[in-house]
């Protein structure tokens, strides 16, 4: 099973619930991990070092009592989301159709939510330099896809036209990059899921953008990636269990990605 979603609130709910039941049944108990041990993250997963009652600096974490939040940096992420939303509107410019006027803010909101959620997950679960590189690549991919989608809705004049043409010529490789990353993630979730988190939010934007607006792609490569992502959906659900909501979330995003890749395959060859 993966550790996705094992965050602060989860720890507090488990421990407080356990103690409440123990008191109700008059059962003796012992909580053995008193202090956080961040060095365990390398061998026990992203949150393996943070199950102590006190943090690594010996400060009380308030596990046994007091309010907690799943998103302690919500103000910062709200600001990041606002910047992404405003940046999307500025990139799209003064649109000319009612459809574009409706879709552009929806695109900005989707990007703000998905990239923000992905960033917060990465902050909690990323451990090594290679994982930070993976986070950076997926974030950059999302921003490029967002720029491509926003410029598609723009009036395409001046610098916006030049930027759109540049991204449009390389759109097939953006799809290939998204499909490759999704295939790698799917293989990991099927064959080596232990201590991994679901990167579902990192693929929502590329999947929906190219599902709604497919582009021409390198066919053999995309066909292989489509097969890998699609074939892995059922096995990863079986391994995680049908009661795992995050596994269902990843399965849904994978279905969207497969549909996007399939639609791109149906576009005329480059």
C-alpha atoms as a PDB file:
ATOM      1  CA  UNK A   1       0.000   0.000   0.000  1.00  0.00           C
ATOM      2  CA  UNK A   2       1.181   3.544  -0.618  1.00  0.00           C
ATOM      3  CA  UNK A   3       1.512   6.236   2.033  1.00  0.00           C
ATOM      4  CA  UNK A   4      -0.286   8.870  -0.024  1.00  0.00           C
ATOM      5  CA  UNK A   5      -2.391  11.092   2.142  1.00  0.00           C
ATOM      6  CA  UNK A   6      -0.756  10.192   5.478  1.00  0.00           C
ATOM      7  CA  UNK A   7      -0.646  13.756   6.747  1.00  0.00           C
ATOM      8  CA  UNK A   8      -0.854  15.525  10.087  1.00  0.00           C
ATOM      9  CA  UNK A   9      -4.615  15.208  10.524  1.00  0.00           C
ATOM     10  CA  UNK A  10      -4.413  11.493   9.781  1.00  0.00           C
ATOM     11  CA  UNK A  11      -1.850  11.024  12.531  1.00  0.00           C
ATOM     12  CA  UNK A  12      -3.918  12.941  15.071  1.00  0.00           C
ATOM     13  CA  UNK A  13      -7.162  11.165  14.162  1.00  0.00           C
ATOM     14  CA  UNK A  14      -5.543   7.734  14.502  1.00  0.00           C
ATOM     15  CA  UNK A  15      -3.825   8.457  17.800  1.00  0.00           C
ATOM     16  CA  UNK A  16      -6.723  10.312  19.403  1.00  0.00           C
ATOM     17  CA  UNK A  17      -9.169   7.657  18.239  1.00  0.00           C
ATOM     18  CA  UNK A  18      -6.958   4.887  19.565  1.00  0.00           C
ATOM     19  CA  UNK A  19      -6.592   6.540  22.968  1.00  0.00           C
ATOM     20  CA  UNK A  20     -10.328   7.208  23.209  1.00  0.00           C
ATOM     21  CA  UNK A  21     -11.142   3.556  22.518  1.00  0.00           C
ATOM     22  CA  UNK A  22      -8.437   2.401  24.916  1.00  0.00           C
ATOM     23  CA  UNK A  23      -9.859   4.549  27.717  1.00  0.00           C
ATOM     24  CA  UNK A  24     -13.375   3.334  26.955  1.00  0.00           C
ATOM     25  CA  UNK A  25     -12.250  -0.294  27.266  1.00  0.00           C
ATOM     26  CA  UNK A  26      -9.876   0.368  30.170  1.00  0.00           C
ATOM     27  CA  UNK A  27      -7.013  -1.022  28.068  1.00  0.00           C
ATOM     28  CA  UNK A  28      -3.384  -0.249  28.887  1.00  0.00           C
ATOM     29  CA  UNK A  29      -1.439   1.263  25.984  1.00  0.00           C
ATOM     30  CA  UNK A  30       1.951   2.665  25.101  1.00  0.00           C
ATOM     31  CA  UNK A  31       2.831   5.196  22.385  1.00  0.00           C
ATOM     32  CA  UNK A  32       6.417   4.387  21.488  1.00  0.00           C
ATOM     33  CA  UNK A  33       7.440   7.055  18.950  1.00  0.00           C
ATOM     34  CA  UNK A  34       7.926  10.111  21.116  1.00  0.00           C
ATOM     35  CA  UNK A  35       9.955  12.254  18.707  1.00  0.00           C
ATOM     36  CA  UNK A  36      10.042  12.835  14.967  1.00  0.00           C
ATOM     37  CA  UNK A  37      12.992  11.182  13.233  1.00  0.00           C
ATOM     38  CA  UNK A  38      13.300  12.788   9.759  1.00  0.00           C
ATOM     39  CA  UNK A  39      16.173  10.490   8.806  1.00  0.00           C
ATOM     40  CA  UNK A  40      13.648   7.638   8.560  1.00  0.00           C
ATOM     41  CA  UNK A  41      12.078   9.211   5.463  1.00  0.00           C
ATOM     42  CA  UNK A  42      14.635   7.529   3.248  1.00  0.00           C
ATOM     43  CA  UNK A  43      13.690   4.020   4.345  1.00  0.00           C
ATOM     44  CA  UNK A  44      10.109   4.384   5.607  1.00  0.00           C
ATOM     45  CA  UNK A  45       8.557   6.731   3.078  1.00  0.00           C
ATOM     46  CA  UNK A  46       7.897  10.448   2.942  1.00  0.00           C
ATOM     47  CA  UNK A  47       6.078  10.749   6.267  1.00  0.00           C
ATOM     48  CA  UNK A  48       7.861   7.921   8.047  1.00  0.00           C
ATOM     49  CA  UNK A  49       9.934  10.370  10.059  1.00  0.00           C
ATOM     50  CA  UNK A  50       7.067  12.476  11.362  1.00  0.00           C
ATOM     51  CA  UNK A  51       4.912  10.247  13.557  1.00  0.00           C
ATOM     52  CA  UNK A  52       6.282  11.460  16.885  1.00  0.00           C
ATOM     53  CA  UNK A  53       4.364  13.286  19.601  1.00  0.00           C
ATOM     54  CA  UNK A  54       7.122  15.915  19.525  1.00  0.00           C
ATOM     55  CA  UNK A  55       8.989  17.305  16.515  1.00  0.00           C
ATOM     56  CA  UNK A  56      12.721  16.915  15.889  1.00  0.00           C
ATOM     57  CA  UNK A  57      13.372  20.089  17.925  1.00  0.00           C
ATOM     58  CA  UNK A  58      11.535  18.575  20.918  1.00  0.00           C
ATOM     59  CA  UNK A  59       8.540  20.888  20.546  1.00  0.00           C
ATOM     60  CA  UNK A  60       5.029  19.598  21.308  1.00  0.00           C
ATOM     61  CA  UNK A  61       3.141  19.022  18.037  1.00  0.00           C
ATOM     62  CA  UNK A  62      -0.290  19.055  19.669  1.00  0.00           C
ATOM     63  CA  UNK A  63      -1.045  15.506  18.570  1.00  0.00           C
ATOM     64  CA  UNK A  64      -3.084  14.612  21.644  1.00  0.00           C
ATOM     65  CA  UNK A  65      -5.154  17.797  21.850  1.00  0.00           C
ATOM     66  CA  UNK A  66      -5.839  21.052  20.054  1.00  0.00           C
ATOM     67  CA  UNK A  67      -6.786  22.061  16.503  1.00  0.00           C
ATOM     68  CA  UNK A  68      -4.851  20.846  13.468  1.00  0.00           C
ATOM     69  CA  UNK A  69      -5.035  21.464   9.743  1.00  0.00           C
ATOM     70  CA  UNK A  70      -4.225  19.386   6.681  1.00  0.00           C
ATOM     71  CA  UNK A  71      -2.883  22.458   4.865  1.00  0.00           C
ATOM     72  CA  UNK A  72      -0.849  24.593   7.276  1.00  0.00           C
ATOM     73  CA  UNK A  73       0.442  26.813   4.451  1.00  0.00           C
ATOM     74  CA  UNK A  74      -2.956  27.444   2.893  1.00  0.00           C
ATOM     75  CA  UNK A  75      -2.398  31.211   2.733  1.00  0.00           C
ATOM     76  CA  UNK A  76       0.796  30.784   0.729  1.00  0.00           C
ATOM     77  CA  UNK A  77      -0.845  28.274  -1.614  1.00  0.00           C
ATOM     78  CA  UNK A  78      -3.835  30.591  -2.016  1.00  0.00           C
ATOM     79  CA  UNK A  79      -1.425  33.317  -3.124  1.00  0.00           C
ATOM     80  CA  UNK A  80       0.285  30.943  -5.564  1.00  0.00           C
ATOM     81  CA  UNK A  81      -3.089  29.903  -6.959  1.00  0.00           C
ATOM     82  CA  UNK A  82      -4.099  33.537  -7.340  1.00  0.00           C
ATOM     83  CA  UNK A  83      -0.921  34.300  -9.282  1.00  0.00           C
ATOM     84  CA  UNK A  84      -1.503  31.331 -11.584  1.00  0.00           C
ATOM     85  CA  UNK A  85      -5.117  32.398 -12.157  1.00  0.00           C
ATOM     86  CA  UNK A  86      -4.205  36.032 -12.896  1.00  0.00           C
ATOM     87  CA  UNK A  87      -1.281  34.937 -15.064  1.00  0.00           C
ATOM     88  CA  UNK A  88      -3.628  32.781 -17.128  1.00  0.00           C
ATOM     89  CA  UNK A  89      -5.993  35.708 -17.687  1.00  0.00           C
ATOM     90  CA  UNK A  90      -3.124  38.010 -18.650  1.00  0.00           C
ATOM     91  CA  UNK A  91      -1.672  35.438 -21.027  1.00  0.00           C
ATOM     92  CA  UNK A  92      -5.042  34.945 -22.700  1.00  0.00           C
ATOM     93  CA  UNK A  93      -5.556  38.684 -23.045  1.00  0.00           C
ATOM     94  CA  UNK A  94      -8.748  40.250 -24.329  1.00  0.00           C
ATOM     95  CA  UNK A  95     -10.584  37.312 -25.862  1.00  0.00           C
ATOM     96  CA  UNK A  96     -12.982  37.801 -28.761  1.00  0.00           C
ATOM     97  CA  UNK A  97     -15.600  35.101 -28.299  1.00  0.00           C
ATOM     98  CA  UNK A  98     -18.074  34.351 -25.526  1.00  0.00           C
ATOM     99  CA  UNK A  99     -16.813  30.773 -25.395  1.00  0.00           C
ATOM    100  CA  UNK A 100     -13.230  31.883 -24.797  1.00  0.00           C
ATOM    101  CA  UNK A 101     -14.408  34.383 -22.185  1.00  0.00           C
ATOM    102  CA  UNK A 102     -16.032  31.505 -20.295  1.00  0.00           C
ATOM    103  CA  UNK A 103     -13.314  28.892 -20.755  1.00  0.00           C
ATOM    104  CA  UNK A 104     -10.280  31.081 -19.957  1.00  0.00           C
ATOM    105  CA  UNK A 105     -11.141  31.736 -16.280  1.00  0.00           C
ATOM    106  CA  UNK A 106     -12.158  28.085 -15.876  1.00  0.00           C
ATOM    107  CA  UNK A 107      -8.762  27.100 -17.254  1.00  0.00           C
ATOM    108  CA  UNK A 108      -7.042  29.448 -14.808  1.00  0.00           C
ATOM    109  CA  UNK A 109      -9.029  28.084 -11.871  1.00  0.00           C
ATOM    110  CA  UNK A 110      -8.294  24.475 -12.857  1.00  0.00           C
ATOM    111  CA  UNK A 111      -4.587  25.220 -13.202  1.00  0.00           C
ATOM    112  CA  UNK A 112      -4.460  27.097  -9.900  1.00  0.00           C
ATOM    113  CA  UNK A 113      -6.119  24.229  -8.034  1.00  0.00           C
ATOM    114  CA  UNK A 114      -4.238  21.364  -9.675  1.00  0.00           C
ATOM    115  CA  UNK A 115      -0.760  22.933  -9.649  1.00  0.00           C
ATOM    116  CA  UNK A 116      -1.291  24.232  -6.117  1.00  0.00           C
ATOM    117  CA  UNK A 117      -2.420  20.827  -4.860  1.00  0.00           C
ATOM    118  CA  UNK A 118       0.512  19.175  -6.624  1.00  0.00           C
ATOM    119  CA  UNK A 119       2.916  21.663  -5.042  1.00  0.00           C
ATOM    120  CA  UNK A 120       1.568  21.068  -1.553  1.00  0.00           C
ATOM    121  CA  UNK A 121       1.788  17.291  -1.993  1.00  0.00           C
ATOM    122  CA  UNK A 122       5.353  17.625  -3.267  1.00  0.00           C
ATOM    123  CA  UNK A 123       6.299  19.769  -0.264  1.00  0.00           C
ATOM    124  CA  UNK A 124       5.202  16.991   2.084  1.00  0.00           C
ATOM    125  CA  UNK A 125       6.326  13.877   0.216  1.00  0.00           C
ATOM    126  CA  UNK A 126       9.493  14.799  -1.704  1.00  0.00           C
ATOM    127  CA  UNK A 127      12.652  13.390  -0.109  1.00  0.00           C
ATOM    128  CA  UNK A 128      15.580  13.248  -2.532  1.00  0.00           C
ATOM    129  CA  UNK A 129      17.161  15.444  -5.196  1.00  0.00           C
ATOM    130  CA  UNK A 130      15.876  13.094  -7.910  1.00  0.00           C
ATOM    131  CA  UNK A 131      12.329  13.466  -6.579  1.00  0.00           C
ATOM    132  CA  UNK A 132      12.656  17.265  -6.527  1.00  0.00           C
ATOM    133  CA  UNK A 133      13.827  17.079 -10.142  1.00  0.00           C
ATOM    134  CA  UNK A 134      10.716  15.027 -10.976  1.00  0.00           C
ATOM    135  CA  UNK A 135       8.546  17.638  -9.252  1.00  0.00           C
ATOM    136  CA  UNK A 136      10.241  20.421 -11.187  1.00  0.00           C
ATOM    137  CA  UNK A 137       9.804  18.666 -14.530  1.00  0.00           C
ATOM    138  CA  UNK A 138       6.100  17.977 -13.956  1.00  0.00           C
ATOM    139  CA  UNK A 139       5.501  21.527 -12.736  1.00  0.00           C
ATOM    140  CA  UNK A 140       7.258  22.985 -15.785  1.00  0.00           C
ATOM    141  CA  UNK A 141       5.223  20.676 -18.032  1.00  0.00           C
ATOM    142  CA  UNK A 142       1.994  21.890 -16.433  1.00  0.00           C
ATOM    143  CA  UNK A 143       2.991  25.525 -16.924  1.00  0.00           C
ATOM    144  CA  UNK A 144       3.833  24.928 -20.593  1.00  0.00           C
ATOM    145  CA  UNK A 145       0.516  23.147 -21.155  1.00  0.00           C
ATOM    146  CA  UNK A 146      -1.268  25.999 -19.373  1.00  0.00           C
ATOM    147  CA  UNK A 147       0.478  28.571 -21.567  1.00  0.00           C
ATOM    148  CA  UNK A 148      -0.420  26.619 -24.699  1.00  0.00           C
ATOM    149  CA  UNK A 149      -4.071  26.349 -23.678  1.00  0.00           C
ATOM    150  CA  UNK A 150      -4.334  30.018 -22.665  1.00  0.00           C
ATOM    151  CA  UNK A 151      -2.746  31.202 -25.919  1.00  0.00           C
ATOM    152  CA  UNK A 152      -5.133  28.961 -27.849  1.00  0.00           C
ATOM    153  CA  UNK A 153      -7.985  31.025 -26.390  1.00  0.00           C
ATOM    154  CA  UNK A 154      -6.200  34.355 -26.935  1.00  0.00           C
ATOM    155  CA  UNK A 155      -6.716  36.687 -29.935  1.00  0.00           C
ATOM    156  CA  UNK A 156      -3.323  35.446 -31.259  1.00  0.00           C
ATOM    157  CA  UNK A 157      -1.902  38.783 -32.326  1.00  0.00           C
ATOM    158  CA  UNK A 158       1.597  40.158 -31.859  1.00  0.00           C
ATOM    159  CA  UNK A 159       3.711  38.328 -29.311  1.00  0.00           C
ATOM    160  CA  UNK A 160       0.821  36.041 -28.395  1.00  0.00           C
ATOM    161  CA  UNK A 161       0.682  34.754 -31.964  1.00  0.00           C
ATOM    162  CA  UNK A 162       4.417  34.076 -32.013  1.00  0.00           C
ATOM    163  CA  UNK A 163       4.298  32.310 -28.650  1.00  0.00           C
ATOM    164  CA  UNK A 164       1.276  30.247 -29.708  1.00  0.00           C
ATOM    165  CA  UNK A 165       2.938  29.153 -32.949  1.00  0.00           C
ATOM    166  CA  UNK A 166       6.055  28.130 -31.019  1.00  0.00           C
ATOM    167  CA  UNK A 167       4.086  25.973 -28.573  1.00  0.00           C
ATOM    168  CA  UNK A 168       1.720  24.643 -31.220  1.00  0.00           C
ATOM    169  CA  UNK A 169       4.629  23.265 -33.246  1.00  0.00           C
ATOM    170  CA  UNK A 170       5.820  21.401 -30.168  1.00  0.00           C
ATOM    171  CA  UNK A 171       2.419  20.440 -28.780  1.00  0.00           C
ATOM    172  CA  UNK A 172       2.852  16.815 -29.810  1.00  0.00           C
ATOM    173  CA  UNK A 173       5.946  16.554 -27.650  1.00  0.00           C
ATOM    174  CA  UNK A 174       4.132  18.150 -24.723  1.00  0.00           C
ATOM    175  CA  UNK A 175       1.560  15.373 -25.042  1.00  0.00           C
ATOM    176  CA  UNK A 176       4.348  12.802 -25.332  1.00  0.00           C
ATOM    177  CA  UNK A 177       6.031  14.171 -22.198  1.00  0.00           C
ATOM    178  CA  UNK A 178       2.765  14.039 -20.250  1.00  0.00           C
ATOM    179  CA  UNK A 179       2.037  10.527 -21.506  1.00  0.00           C
ATOM    180  CA  UNK A 180       5.555   9.339 -20.696  1.00  0.00           C
ATOM    181  CA  UNK A 181       5.371  10.749 -17.160  1.00  0.00           C
ATOM    182  CA  UNK A 182       1.953   9.153 -16.642  1.00  0.00           C
ATOM    183  CA  UNK A 183       3.269   5.813 -17.925  1.00  0.00           C
ATOM    184  CA  UNK A 184       6.263   5.956 -15.568  1.00  0.00           C
ATOM    185  CA  UNK A 185       3.950   6.778 -12.674  1.00  0.00           C
ATOM    186  CA  UNK A 186       1.607   3.934 -13.600  1.00  0.00           C
ATOM    187  CA  UNK A 187       4.441   1.399 -13.808  1.00  0.00           C
ATOM    188  CA  UNK A 188       5.661   2.500 -10.385  1.00  0.00           C
ATOM    189  CA  UNK A 189       2.178   2.201  -8.883  1.00  0.00           C
ATOM    190  CA  UNK A 190       1.758  -1.299 -10.326  1.00  0.00           C
ATOM    191  CA  UNK A 191       5.200  -2.824  -9.733  1.00  0.00           C
ATOM    192  CA  UNK A 192       6.714  -0.790  -6.873  1.00  0.00           C
ATOM    193  CA  UNK A 193       3.957   1.116  -5.037  1.00  0.00           C
ATOM    194  CA  UNK A 194       5.359   0.896  -1.505  1.00  0.00           C
ATOM    195  CA  UNK A 195       5.922   4.332   0.066  1.00  0.00           C
ATOM    196  CA  UNK A 196       4.824   6.145  -3.092  1.00  0.00           C
ATOM    197  CA  UNK A 197       2.299   8.947  -3.263  1.00  0.00           C
ATOM    198  CA  UNK A 198      -0.322   9.479  -5.942  1.00  0.00           C
ATOM    199  CA  UNK A 199       0.704  12.311  -8.276  1.00  0.00           C
ATOM    200  CA  UNK A 200      -2.813  12.556  -9.701  1.00  0.00           C
ATOM    201  CA  UNK A 201      -3.048  16.358  -9.559  1.00  0.00           C
ATOM    202  CA  UNK A 202       0.074  16.731 -11.699  1.00  0.00           C
ATOM    203  CA  UNK A 203      -1.729  15.130 -14.653  1.00  0.00           C
ATOM    204  CA  UNK A 204      -5.209  16.658 -14.414  1.00  0.00           C
ATOM    205  CA  UNK A 205      -4.393  19.749 -16.482  1.00  0.00           C
ATOM    206  CA  UNK A 206      -2.516  18.028 -19.361  1.00  0.00           C
ATOM    207  CA  UNK A 207      -5.162  15.300 -19.570  1.00  0.00           C
ATOM    208  CA  UNK A 208      -8.117  17.690 -19.747  1.00  0.00           C
ATOM    209  CA  UNK A 209      -6.439  20.206 -22.057  1.00  0.00           C
ATOM    210  CA  UNK A 210      -5.509  17.642 -24.707  1.00  0.00           C
ATOM    211  CA  UNK A 211      -8.708  15.695 -24.238  1.00  0.00           C
ATOM    212  CA  UNK A 212     -10.642  18.841 -25.170  1.00  0.00           C
ATOM    213  CA  UNK A 213      -8.171  19.978 -27.841  1.00  0.00           C
ATOM    214  CA  UNK A 214      -6.193  17.049 -29.263  1.00  0.00           C
ATOM    215  CA  UNK A 215      -3.069  17.714 -31.315  1.00  0.00           C
ATOM    216  CA  UNK A 216      -1.039  15.651 -33.748  1.00  0.00           C
ATOM    217  CA  UNK A 217       1.483  13.381 -32.038  1.00  0.00           C
ATOM    218  CA  UNK A 218       4.209  10.814 -32.837  1.00  0.00           C
ATOM    219  CA  UNK A 219       1.925   7.829 -33.289  1.00  0.00           C
ATOM    220  CA  UNK A 220       3.935   4.751 -32.317  1.00  0.00           C
ATOM    221  CA  UNK A 221       5.289   6.305 -29.141  1.00  0.00           C
ATOM    222  CA  UNK A 222       1.902   7.621 -28.041  1.00  0.00           C
ATOM    223  CA  UNK A 223       0.213   4.305 -28.840  1.00  0.00           C
ATOM    224  CA  UNK A 224       2.673   2.514 -26.534  1.00  0.00           C
ATOM    225  CA  UNK A 225       2.170   5.061 -23.749  1.00  0.00           C
ATOM    226  CA  UNK A 226      -1.602   4.797 -24.123  1.00  0.00           C
ATOM    227  CA  UNK A 227      -1.400   1.033 -23.708  1.00  0.00           C
ATOM    228  CA  UNK A 228       0.839   1.235 -20.624  1.00  0.00           C
ATOM    229  CA  UNK A 229      -1.342   3.768 -18.811  1.00  0.00           C
ATOM    230  CA  UNK A 230      -4.575   2.013 -19.738  1.00  0.00           C
ATOM    231  CA  UNK A 231      -3.355  -1.485 -18.907  1.00  0.00           C
ATOM    232  CA  UNK A 232      -2.171  -0.417 -15.462  1.00  0.00           C
ATOM    233  CA  UNK A 233      -5.475   0.999 -14.216  1.00  0.00           C
ATOM    234  CA  UNK A 234      -7.062  -2.271 -13.076  1.00  0.00           C
ATOM    235  CA  UNK A 235      -3.901  -3.783 -11.489  1.00  0.00           C
ATOM    236  CA  UNK A 236      -3.164  -0.695  -9.412  1.00  0.00           C
ATOM    237  CA  UNK A 237      -6.771  -0.560  -8.225  1.00  0.00           C
ATOM    238  CA  UNK A 238      -6.565  -4.230  -7.261  1.00  0.00           C
ATOM    239  CA  UNK A 239      -3.336  -3.703  -5.321  1.00  0.00           C
ATOM    240  CA  UNK A 240      -4.508  -0.600  -3.480  1.00  0.00           C
ATOM    241  CA  UNK A 241      -7.982  -1.935  -2.748  1.00  0.00           C
ATOM    242  CA  UNK A 242     -11.314  -0.650  -3.962  1.00  0.00           C
ATOM    243  CA  UNK A 243     -11.833   1.326  -0.756  1.00  0.00           C
ATOM    244  CA  UNK A 244      -8.779   3.503  -1.420  1.00  0.00           C
ATOM    245  CA  UNK A 245     -10.188   6.826  -2.615  1.00  0.00           C
ATOM    246  CA  UNK A 246      -6.823   8.094  -3.814  1.00  0.00           C
ATOM    247  CA  UNK A 247      -6.376   4.989  -5.947  1.00  0.00           C
ATOM    248  CA  UNK A 248      -9.753   5.736  -7.543  1.00  0.00           C
ATOM    249  CA  UNK A 249      -8.625   9.321  -8.090  1.00  0.00           C
ATOM    250  CA  UNK A 250      -5.485   8.145  -9.878  1.00  0.00           C
ATOM    251  CA  UNK A 251      -7.559   5.681 -11.895  1.00  0.00           C
ATOM    252  CA  UNK A 252      -9.904   8.479 -12.991  1.00  0.00           C
ATOM    253  CA  UNK A 253      -7.020  10.738 -14.005  1.00  0.00           C
ATOM    254  CA  UNK A 254      -5.456   7.810 -15.864  1.00  0.00           C
ATOM    255  CA  UNK A 255      -8.702   7.246 -17.770  1.00  0.00           C
ATOM    256  CA  UNK A 256      -8.693  10.929 -18.740  1.00  0.00           C
ATOM    257  CA  UNK A 257      -5.074  10.644 -19.860  1.00  0.00           C
ATOM    258  CA  UNK A 258      -5.803   7.538 -21.929  1.00  0.00           C
ATOM    259  CA  UNK A 259      -8.748   9.321 -23.553  1.00  0.00           C
ATOM    260  CA  UNK A 260      -6.581  12.363 -24.307  1.00  0.00           C
ATOM    261  CA  UNK A 261      -3.809  10.244 -25.829  1.00  0.00           C
ATOM    262  CA  UNK A 262      -6.353   8.279 -27.851  1.00  0.00           C
ATOM    263  CA  UNK A 263      -7.941  11.453 -29.217  1.00  0.00           C
ATOM    264  CA  UNK A 264      -4.510  12.773 -30.162  1.00  0.00           C
ATOM    265  CA  UNK A 265      -3.804   9.530 -32.016  1.00  0.00           C
ATOM    266  CA  UNK A 266      -6.862  10.176 -34.155  1.00  0.00           C
ATOM    267  CA  UNK A 267      -5.541  13.557 -35.312  1.00  0.00           C
ATOM    268  CA  UNK A 268      -3.831  13.490 -38.704  1.00  0.00           C
ATOM    269  CA  UNK A 269      -0.193  12.465 -38.662  1.00  0.00           C
ATOM    270  CA  UNK A 270       2.485  15.147 -38.258  1.00  0.00           C
END
